[in-house]
Amino acid sequence: MKKKYPFKLCILGCGAQARYVFEILKTLKFRGTMFVIDPIGKKTQSIDNLKIRQIIKINEIVQFFKKNKIKHFIVAVSDNSLKSALITALTKKDYKLQSVISPFAIISSTAKIEDGCIINPLAVIGPNCSIGRGCIIHSLVNIDHDCQIGQLSNLAPGVILAGRVNIGEQVFIYTGAKIIPDVKVGNFAIVGAGACVLKDVHPKTTVVGVPASKIDIL
């Protein structure tokens, strides 16, 4: 998100990632009106003294937007299916999906970041990288040159991608995992915490360990 903001902004989510969004917006001196909606049902009452509204149904979220004349929103949830549903439904109604990028992230001038991404402090994104729509890049993630990250993928703290890594859509890479150059990770795959990935990961596959190998999820 650039330093010129909409006056009204709604954050969808009330967990840890939403709190990161709040901290980033404070650092960037956001001065508009902020709303928070819990679309999951966590029953959290407030974030930073800001009331959280419990609205789970998408059509009711749309009505809330209309009533409060909200045009811009951020999705700060880790559940990719919910995130995808929210983004699809709201953008079809011409609501504007926003990215939030920490000023303490290091991002190459040749990197491309699509709408709806959350880039946390101390993340590093190298030259010629591409980050798809709705991705979450956590703190201390290092994405080396020429990597491609598909939409709605989550990279947890401390993940390291070497050069030319290709991550598919809706991939979840857990804390501290490392992926060597030229590896491809297919859509909907999961890479476990601390894994060291030395070869391609097929779609809808979970890999763990050093070196990473497939496991079956019951």
C-alpha atoms as a PDB file:
ATOM      1  CA  MET A   1       0.000   0.000   0.000  1.00  0.00           C
ATOM      2  CA  LYS A   2       1.293   3.433  -0.920  1.00  0.00           C
ATOM      3  CA  LYS A   3       1.365   6.362   1.476  1.00  0.00           C
ATOM      4  CA  LYS A   4      -1.791   7.877  -0.022  1.00  0.00           C
ATOM      5  CA  TYR A   5      -4.673   5.956   1.534  1.00  0.00           C
ATOM      6  CA  PRO A   6      -8.419   5.758   1.118  1.00  0.00           C
ATOM      7  CA  PHE A   7     -10.281   7.507   3.911  1.00  0.00           C
ATOM      8  CA  LYS A   8     -12.177   4.347   4.865  1.00  0.00           C
ATOM      9  CA  LEU A   9     -10.539   0.929   5.045  1.00  0.00           C
ATOM     10  CA  CYS A  10     -11.881  -2.417   6.293  1.00  0.00           C
ATOM     11  CA  ILE A  11      -9.650  -5.217   7.579  1.00  0.00           C
ATOM     12  CA  LEU A  12     -11.150  -8.688   7.269  1.00  0.00           C
ATOM     13  CA  GLY A  13      -9.591 -10.817   9.990  1.00  0.00           C
ATOM     14  CA  CYS A  14      -8.785 -10.468  13.668  1.00  0.00           C
ATOM     15  CA  GLY A  15      -5.904 -12.861  14.320  1.00  0.00           C
ATOM     16  CA  ALA A  16      -2.136 -12.477  14.345  1.00  0.00           C
ATOM     17  CA  GLN A  17      -1.917 -11.343  10.735  1.00  0.00           C
ATOM     18  CA  ALA A  18      -4.507  -8.613  11.319  1.00  0.00           C
ATOM     19  CA  ARG A  19      -2.374  -7.348  14.194  1.00  0.00           C
ATOM     20  CA  TYR A  20       0.615  -7.148  11.861  1.00  0.00           C
ATOM     21  CA  VAL A  21      -1.523  -5.125   9.471  1.00  0.00           C
ATOM     22  CA  PHE A  22      -2.398  -2.719  12.287  1.00  0.00           C
ATOM     23  CA  GLU A  23       1.256  -2.266  13.197  1.00  0.00           C
ATOM     24  CA  ILE A  24       2.236  -1.626   9.576  1.00  0.00           C
ATOM     25  CA  LEU A  25      -0.565   0.897   9.081  1.00  0.00           C
ATOM     26  CA  LYS A  26       0.472   2.703  12.272  1.00  0.00           C
ATOM     27  CA  THR A  27       4.062   2.867  11.054  1.00  0.00           C
ATOM     28  CA  LEU A  28       2.809   4.276   7.756  1.00  0.00           C
ATOM     29  CA  LYS A  29       0.728   6.850   9.686  1.00  0.00           C
ATOM     30  CA  PHE A  30      -2.654   5.825   8.323  1.00  0.00           C
ATOM     31  CA  ARG A  31      -5.133   8.468   9.433  1.00  0.00           C
ATOM     32  CA  GLY A  32      -8.367   7.285   7.873  1.00  0.00           C
ATOM     33  CA  THR A  33     -11.311   5.469   9.417  1.00  0.00           C
ATOM     34  CA  MET A  34     -10.629   1.789  10.026  1.00  0.00           C
ATOM     35  CA  PHE A  35     -13.153  -1.009  10.424  1.00  0.00           C
ATOM     36  CA  VAL A  36     -12.437  -4.610  11.444  1.00  0.00           C
ATOM     37  CA  ILE A  37     -14.637  -7.582  10.571  1.00  0.00           C
ATOM     38  CA  ASP A  38     -14.169 -11.101  11.940  1.00  0.00           C
ATOM     39  CA  PRO A  39     -15.319 -13.410   9.103  1.00  0.00           C
ATOM     40  CA  ILE A  40     -14.283 -16.584  10.960  1.00  0.00           C
ATOM     41  CA  GLY A  41     -16.074 -16.373  14.309  1.00  0.00           C
ATOM     42  CA  LYS A  42     -13.145 -16.069  16.702  1.00  0.00           C
ATOM     43  CA  LYS A  43     -15.214 -13.889  19.049  1.00  0.00           C
ATOM     44  CA  THR A  44     -12.326 -11.466  19.551  1.00  0.00           C
ATOM     45  CA  GLN A  45     -13.724  -8.211  20.929  1.00  0.00           C
ATOM     46  CA  SER A  46     -11.192  -5.627  19.790  1.00  0.00           C
ATOM     47  CA  ILE A  47      -7.793  -4.938  18.276  1.00  0.00           C
ATOM     48  CA  ASP A  48      -5.901  -1.904  19.517  1.00  0.00           C
ATOM     49  CA  ASN A  49      -9.142  -0.641  21.124  1.00  0.00           C
ATOM     50  CA  LEU A  50     -10.972  -0.857  17.798  1.00  0.00           C
ATOM     51  CA  LYS A  51     -14.250  -2.789  17.932  1.00  0.00           C
ATOM     52  CA  ILE A  52     -14.425  -6.003  15.909  1.00  0.00           C
ATOM     53  CA  ARG A  53     -17.688  -6.815  14.158  1.00  0.00           C
ATOM     54  CA  GLN A  54     -18.606 -10.492  13.867  1.00  0.00           C
ATOM     55  CA  ILE A  55     -19.921 -10.936  10.302  1.00  0.00           C
ATOM     56  CA  ILE A  56     -19.442 -14.337   8.696  1.00  0.00           C
ATOM     57  CA  LYS A  57     -21.777 -14.280   5.688  1.00  0.00           C
ATOM     58  CA  ILE A  58     -20.302 -12.576   2.645  1.00  0.00           C
ATOM     59  CA  ASN A  59     -23.575 -10.969   1.605  1.00  0.00           C
ATOM     60  CA  GLU A  60     -23.800  -9.380   5.067  1.00  0.00           C
ATOM     61  CA  ILE A  61     -20.235  -8.089   4.710  1.00  0.00           C
ATOM     62  CA  VAL A  62     -21.282  -6.476   1.417  1.00  0.00           C
ATOM     63  CA  GLN A  63     -24.248  -4.847   3.153  1.00  0.00           C
ATOM     64  CA  PHE A  64     -21.935  -3.528   5.882  1.00  0.00           C
ATOM     65  CA  PHE A  65     -19.673  -2.035   3.218  1.00  0.00           C
ATOM     66  CA  LYS A  66     -22.636  -0.346   1.544  1.00  0.00           C
ATOM     67  CA  LYS A  67     -24.030   1.026   4.804  1.00  0.00           C
ATOM     68  CA  ASN A  68     -20.676   2.493   5.871  1.00  0.00           C
ATOM     69  CA  LYS A  69     -19.611   3.595   2.365  1.00  0.00           C
ATOM     70  CA  ILE A  70     -16.458   1.454   2.461  1.00  0.00           C
ATOM     71  CA  LYS A  71     -14.680   0.960  -0.858  1.00  0.00           C
ATOM     72  CA  HIS A  72     -11.298  -0.490   0.147  1.00  0.00           C
ATOM     73  CA  PHE A  73     -10.440  -3.655   2.055  1.00  0.00           C
ATOM     74  CA  ILE A  74      -7.579  -5.881   3.230  1.00  0.00           C
ATOM     75  CA  VAL A  75      -7.912  -9.632   3.806  1.00  0.00           C
ATOM     76  CA  ALA A  76      -5.797 -10.683   6.801  1.00  0.00           C
ATOM     77  CA  VAL A  77      -6.714 -14.361   7.202  1.00  0.00           C
ATOM     78  CA  SER A  78      -4.552 -17.434   6.608  1.00  0.00           C
ATOM     79  CA  ASP A  79      -7.366 -19.750   5.475  1.00  0.00           C
ATOM     80  CA  ASN A  80      -6.837 -19.709   1.716  1.00  0.00           C
ATOM     81  CA  SER A  81     -10.304 -20.937   0.766  1.00  0.00           C
ATOM     82  CA  LEU A  82     -11.940 -18.209   2.858  1.00  0.00           C
ATOM     83  CA  LYS A  83      -9.478 -15.616   1.586  1.00  0.00           C
ATOM     84  CA  SER A  84     -10.200 -16.581  -2.014  1.00  0.00           C
ATOM     85  CA  ALA A  85     -13.972 -16.444  -1.456  1.00  0.00           C
ATOM     86  CA  LEU A  86     -13.792 -13.002   0.165  1.00  0.00           C
ATOM     87  CA  ILE A  87     -11.532 -11.526  -2.498  1.00  0.00           C
ATOM     88  CA  THR A  88     -13.594 -12.957  -5.367  1.00  0.00           C
ATOM     89  CA  ALA A  89     -16.948 -11.836  -3.981  1.00  0.00           C
ATOM     90  CA  LEU A  90     -15.885  -8.346  -2.963  1.00  0.00           C
ATOM     91  CA  THR A  91     -13.871  -7.479  -6.058  1.00  0.00           C
ATOM     92  CA  LYS A  92     -16.819  -8.573  -8.224  1.00  0.00           C
ATOM     93  CA  LYS A  93     -18.777  -5.843  -6.417  1.00  0.00           C
ATOM     94  CA  ASP A  94     -16.042  -3.336  -7.374  1.00  0.00           C
ATOM     95  CA  TYR A  95     -14.570  -3.055  -3.877  1.00  0.00           C
ATOM     96  CA  LYS A  96     -10.838  -2.384  -4.030  1.00  0.00           C
ATOM     97  CA  LEU A  97      -8.398  -4.937  -2.636  1.00  0.00           C
ATOM     98  CA  GLN A  98      -5.394  -3.308  -0.957  1.00  0.00           C
ATOM     99  CA  SER A  99      -1.860  -4.485  -0.230  1.00  0.00           C
ATOM    100  CA  VAL A 100      -0.043  -3.616   2.981  1.00  0.00           C
ATOM    101  CA  ILE A 101       3.746  -3.467   2.777  1.00  0.00           C
ATOM    102  CA  SER A 102       5.966  -2.714   5.743  1.00  0.00           C
ATOM    103  CA  PRO A 103       8.450   0.117   5.171  1.00  0.00           C
ATOM    104  CA  PHE A 104      10.964  -2.157   6.897  1.00  0.00           C
ATOM    105  CA  ALA A 105      10.750  -4.796   4.174  1.00  0.00           C
ATOM    106  CA  ILE A 106      13.515  -4.786   1.548  1.00  0.00           C
ATOM    107  CA  ILE A 107      12.025  -5.047  -1.924  1.00  0.00           C
ATOM    108  CA  SER A 108      13.860  -4.822  -5.239  1.00  0.00           C
ATOM    109  CA  SER A 109      12.705  -2.133  -7.635  1.00  0.00           C
ATOM    110  CA  THR A 110      12.234  -4.849 -10.264  1.00  0.00           C
ATOM    111  CA  ALA A 111       9.995  -7.051  -8.090  1.00  0.00           C
ATOM    112  CA  LYS A 112       6.280  -7.150  -8.908  1.00  0.00           C
ATOM    113  CA  ILE A 113       3.694  -7.418  -6.135  1.00  0.00           C
ATOM    114  CA  GLU A 114       0.029  -7.842  -7.006  1.00  0.00           C
ATOM    115  CA  ASP A 115      -2.977  -6.531  -5.066  1.00  0.00           C
ATOM    116  CA  GLY A 116      -3.940  -7.883  -1.671  1.00  0.00           C
ATOM    117  CA  CYS A 117      -0.479  -8.905  -0.450  1.00  0.00           C
ATOM    118  CA  ILE A 118       0.726  -8.452   3.114  1.00  0.00           C
ATOM    119  CA  ILE A 119       4.496  -8.014   3.371  1.00  0.00           C
ATOM    120  CA  ASN A 120       5.714  -7.997   6.971  1.00  0.00           C
ATOM    121  CA  PRO A 121       8.788  -6.261   8.432  1.00  0.00           C
ATOM    122  CA  LEU A 122      12.258  -7.573   7.527  1.00  0.00           C
ATOM    123  CA  ALA A 123      11.078  -9.610   4.566  1.00  0.00           C
ATOM    124  CA  VAL A 124      13.488  -9.490   1.599  1.00  0.00           C
ATOM    125  CA  ILE A 125      12.236  -9.773  -1.993  1.00  0.00           C
ATOM    126  CA  GLY A 126      14.955  -9.885  -4.631  1.00  0.00           C
ATOM    127  CA  PRO A 127      15.262  -8.728  -8.259  1.00  0.00           C
ATOM    128  CA  ASN A 128      12.743  -9.884 -10.862  1.00  0.00           C
ATOM    129  CA  CYS A 129      10.542 -11.670  -8.354  1.00  0.00           C
ATOM    130  CA  SER A 130       6.789 -11.905  -8.815  1.00  0.00           C
ATOM    131  CA  ILE A 131       4.373 -12.128  -5.863  1.00  0.00           C
ATOM    132  CA  GLY A 132       0.813 -13.113  -6.782  1.00  0.00           C
ATOM    133  CA  ARG A 133      -2.420 -11.645  -5.550  1.00  0.00           C
ATOM    134  CA  GLY A 134      -3.332 -12.144  -1.897  1.00  0.00           C
ATOM    135  CA  CYS A 135      -0.035 -13.619  -0.697  1.00  0.00           C
ATOM    136  CA  ILE A 136       1.226 -13.279   2.866  1.00  0.00           C
ATOM    137  CA  ILE A 137       4.995 -12.878   3.230  1.00  0.00           C
ATOM    138  CA  HIS A 138       5.937 -13.017   6.906  1.00  0.00           C
ATOM    139  CA  SER A 139       8.868 -11.465   8.727  1.00  0.00           C
ATOM    140  CA  LEU A 140      12.421 -12.630   7.936  1.00  0.00           C
ATOM    141  CA  VAL A 141      11.362 -14.370   4.725  1.00  0.00           C
ATOM    142  CA  ASN A 142      14.127 -14.186   2.097  1.00  0.00           C
ATOM    143  CA  ILE A 143      12.999 -14.554  -1.514  1.00  0.00           C
ATOM    144  CA  ASP A 144      16.018 -14.545  -3.823  1.00  0.00           C
ATOM    145  CA  HIS A 145      16.162 -13.403  -7.441  1.00  0.00           C
ATOM    146  CA  ASP A 146      13.741 -14.502 -10.170  1.00  0.00           C
ATOM    147  CA  CYS A 147      11.310 -16.339  -7.901  1.00  0.00           C
ATOM    148  CA  GLN A 148       7.622 -16.613  -8.712  1.00  0.00           C
ATOM    149  CA  ILE A 149       4.993 -16.945  -5.976  1.00  0.00           C
ATOM    150  CA  GLY A 150       1.468 -17.898  -7.054  1.00  0.00           C
ATOM    151  CA  GLN A 151      -1.616 -16.190  -5.705  1.00  0.00           C
ATOM    152  CA  LEU A 152      -2.906 -16.799  -2.166  1.00  0.00           C
ATOM    153  CA  SER A 153       0.300 -18.483  -0.985  1.00  0.00           C
ATOM    154  CA  ASN A 154       1.605 -18.057   2.567  1.00  0.00           C
ATOM    155  CA  LEU A 155       5.292 -17.978   3.505  1.00  0.00           C
ATOM    156  CA  ALA A 156       5.778 -18.247   7.270  1.00  0.00           C
ATOM    157  CA  PRO A 157       8.578 -16.522   9.234  1.00  0.00           C
ATOM    158  CA  GLY A 158      12.138 -17.417   8.284  1.00  0.00           C
ATOM    159  CA  VAL A 159      11.371 -19.153   4.985  1.00  0.00           C
ATOM    160  CA  ILE A 160      14.241 -18.997   2.466  1.00  0.00           C
ATOM    161  CA  LEU A 161      13.752 -19.384  -1.277  1.00  0.00           C
ATOM    162  CA  ALA A 162      16.913 -19.530  -3.373  1.00  0.00           C
ATOM    163  CA  GLY A 163      16.981 -18.189  -6.928  1.00  0.00           C
ATOM    164  CA  ARG A 164      14.418 -19.122  -9.601  1.00  0.00           C
ATOM    165  CA  VAL A 165      12.113 -21.014  -7.263  1.00  0.00           C
ATOM    166  CA  ASN A 166       8.560 -21.333  -8.574  1.00  0.00           C
ATOM    167  CA  ILE A 167       5.794 -21.561  -5.977  1.00  0.00           C
ATOM    168  CA  GLY A 168       2.281 -22.415  -7.162  1.00  0.00           C
ATOM    169  CA  GLU A 169      -1.073 -21.083  -6.013  1.00  0.00           C
ATOM    170  CA  GLN A 170      -2.372 -21.515  -2.459  1.00  0.00           C
ATOM    171  CA  VAL A 171       0.870 -23.058  -1.222  1.00  0.00           C
ATOM    172  CA  PHE A 172       1.661 -22.958   2.492  1.00  0.00           C
ATOM    173  CA  ILE A 173       5.347 -22.973   3.463  1.00  0.00           C
ATOM    174  CA  TYR A 174       5.860 -23.227   7.203  1.00  0.00           C
ATOM    175  CA  THR A 175       8.431 -21.595   9.459  1.00  0.00           C
ATOM    176  CA  GLY A 176      12.105 -21.911   8.579  1.00  0.00           C
ATOM    177  CA  ALA A 177      11.713 -24.072   5.471  1.00  0.00           C
ATOM    178  CA  LYS A 178      14.412 -23.757   2.788  1.00  0.00           C
ATOM    179  CA  ILE A 179      14.095 -24.408  -0.953  1.00  0.00           C
ATOM    180  CA  ILE A 180      17.133 -24.683  -3.251  1.00  0.00           C
ATOM    181  CA  PRO A 181      17.370 -23.023  -6.706  1.00  0.00           C
ATOM    182  CA  ASP A 182      15.143 -24.009  -9.642  1.00  0.00           C
ATOM    183  CA  VAL A 183      12.706 -26.081  -7.593  1.00  0.00           C
ATOM    184  CA  LYS A 184       8.990 -25.994  -8.377  1.00  0.00           C
ATOM    185  CA  VAL A 185       6.298 -26.378  -5.720  1.00  0.00           C
ATOM    186  CA  GLY A 186       2.889 -27.251  -7.139  1.00  0.00           C
ATOM    187  CA  ASN A 187      -0.491 -25.699  -6.382  1.00  0.00           C
ATOM    188  CA  PHE A 188      -1.991 -26.412  -2.936  1.00  0.00           C
ATOM    189  CA  ALA A 189       1.198 -28.069  -1.667  1.00  0.00           C
ATOM    190  CA  ILE A 190       2.408 -27.806   1.936  1.00  0.00           C
ATOM    191  CA  VAL A 191       6.052 -27.585   3.016  1.00  0.00           C
ATOM    192  CA  GLY A 192       6.582 -28.392   6.695  1.00  0.00           C
ATOM    193  CA  ALA A 193       8.489 -26.296   9.221  1.00  0.00           C
ATOM    194  CA  GLY A 194      12.266 -26.574   8.918  1.00  0.00           C
ATOM    195  CA  ALA A 195      12.100 -28.677   5.756  1.00  0.00           C
ATOM    196  CA  CYS A 196      14.913 -28.538   3.205  1.00  0.00           C
ATOM    197  CA  VAL A 197      13.413 -28.987  -0.259  1.00  0.00           C
ATOM    198  CA  LEU A 198      15.894 -30.353  -2.821  1.00  0.00           C
ATOM    199  CA  LYS A 199      13.516 -31.406  -5.594  1.00  0.00           C
ATOM    200  CA  ASP A 200      10.154 -30.492  -7.102  1.00  0.00           C
ATOM    201  CA  VAL A 201       7.014 -30.888  -4.977  1.00  0.00           C
ATOM    202  CA  HIS A 202       3.914 -32.151  -6.749  1.00  0.00           C
ATOM    203  CA  PRO A 203       0.561 -30.322  -6.407  1.00  0.00           C
ATOM    204  CA  LYS A 204      -1.532 -31.126  -3.318  1.00  0.00           C
ATOM    205  CA  THR A 205       1.457 -32.835  -1.687  1.00  0.00           C
ATOM    206  CA  THR A 206       2.846 -32.360   1.827  1.00  0.00           C
ATOM    207  CA  VAL A 207       6.604 -32.646   2.347  1.00  0.00           C
ATOM    208  CA  VAL A 208       8.587 -32.521   5.600  1.00  0.00           C
ATOM    209  CA  GLY A 209      12.089 -33.171   6.887  1.00  0.00           C
ATOM    210  CA  VAL A 210      15.718 -32.819   5.772  1.00  0.00           C
ATOM    211  CA  PRO A 211      15.839 -33.570   2.949  1.00  0.00           C
ATOM    212  CA  ALA A 212      12.122 -33.031   2.442  1.00  0.00           C
ATOM    213  CA  SER A 213      10.040 -36.068   1.528  1.00  0.00           C
ATOM    214  CA  LYS A 214       6.350 -36.722   0.971  1.00  0.00           C
ATOM    215  CA  ILE A 215       4.062 -37.754   3.801  1.00  0.00           C
ATOM    216  CA  ASP A 216       0.430 -38.823   3.622  1.00  0.00           C
ATOM    217  CA  ILE A 217      -2.069 -36.706   5.565  1.00  0.00           C
ATOM    218  CA  LEU A 218      -4.951 -38.745   6.942  1.00  0.00           C
END
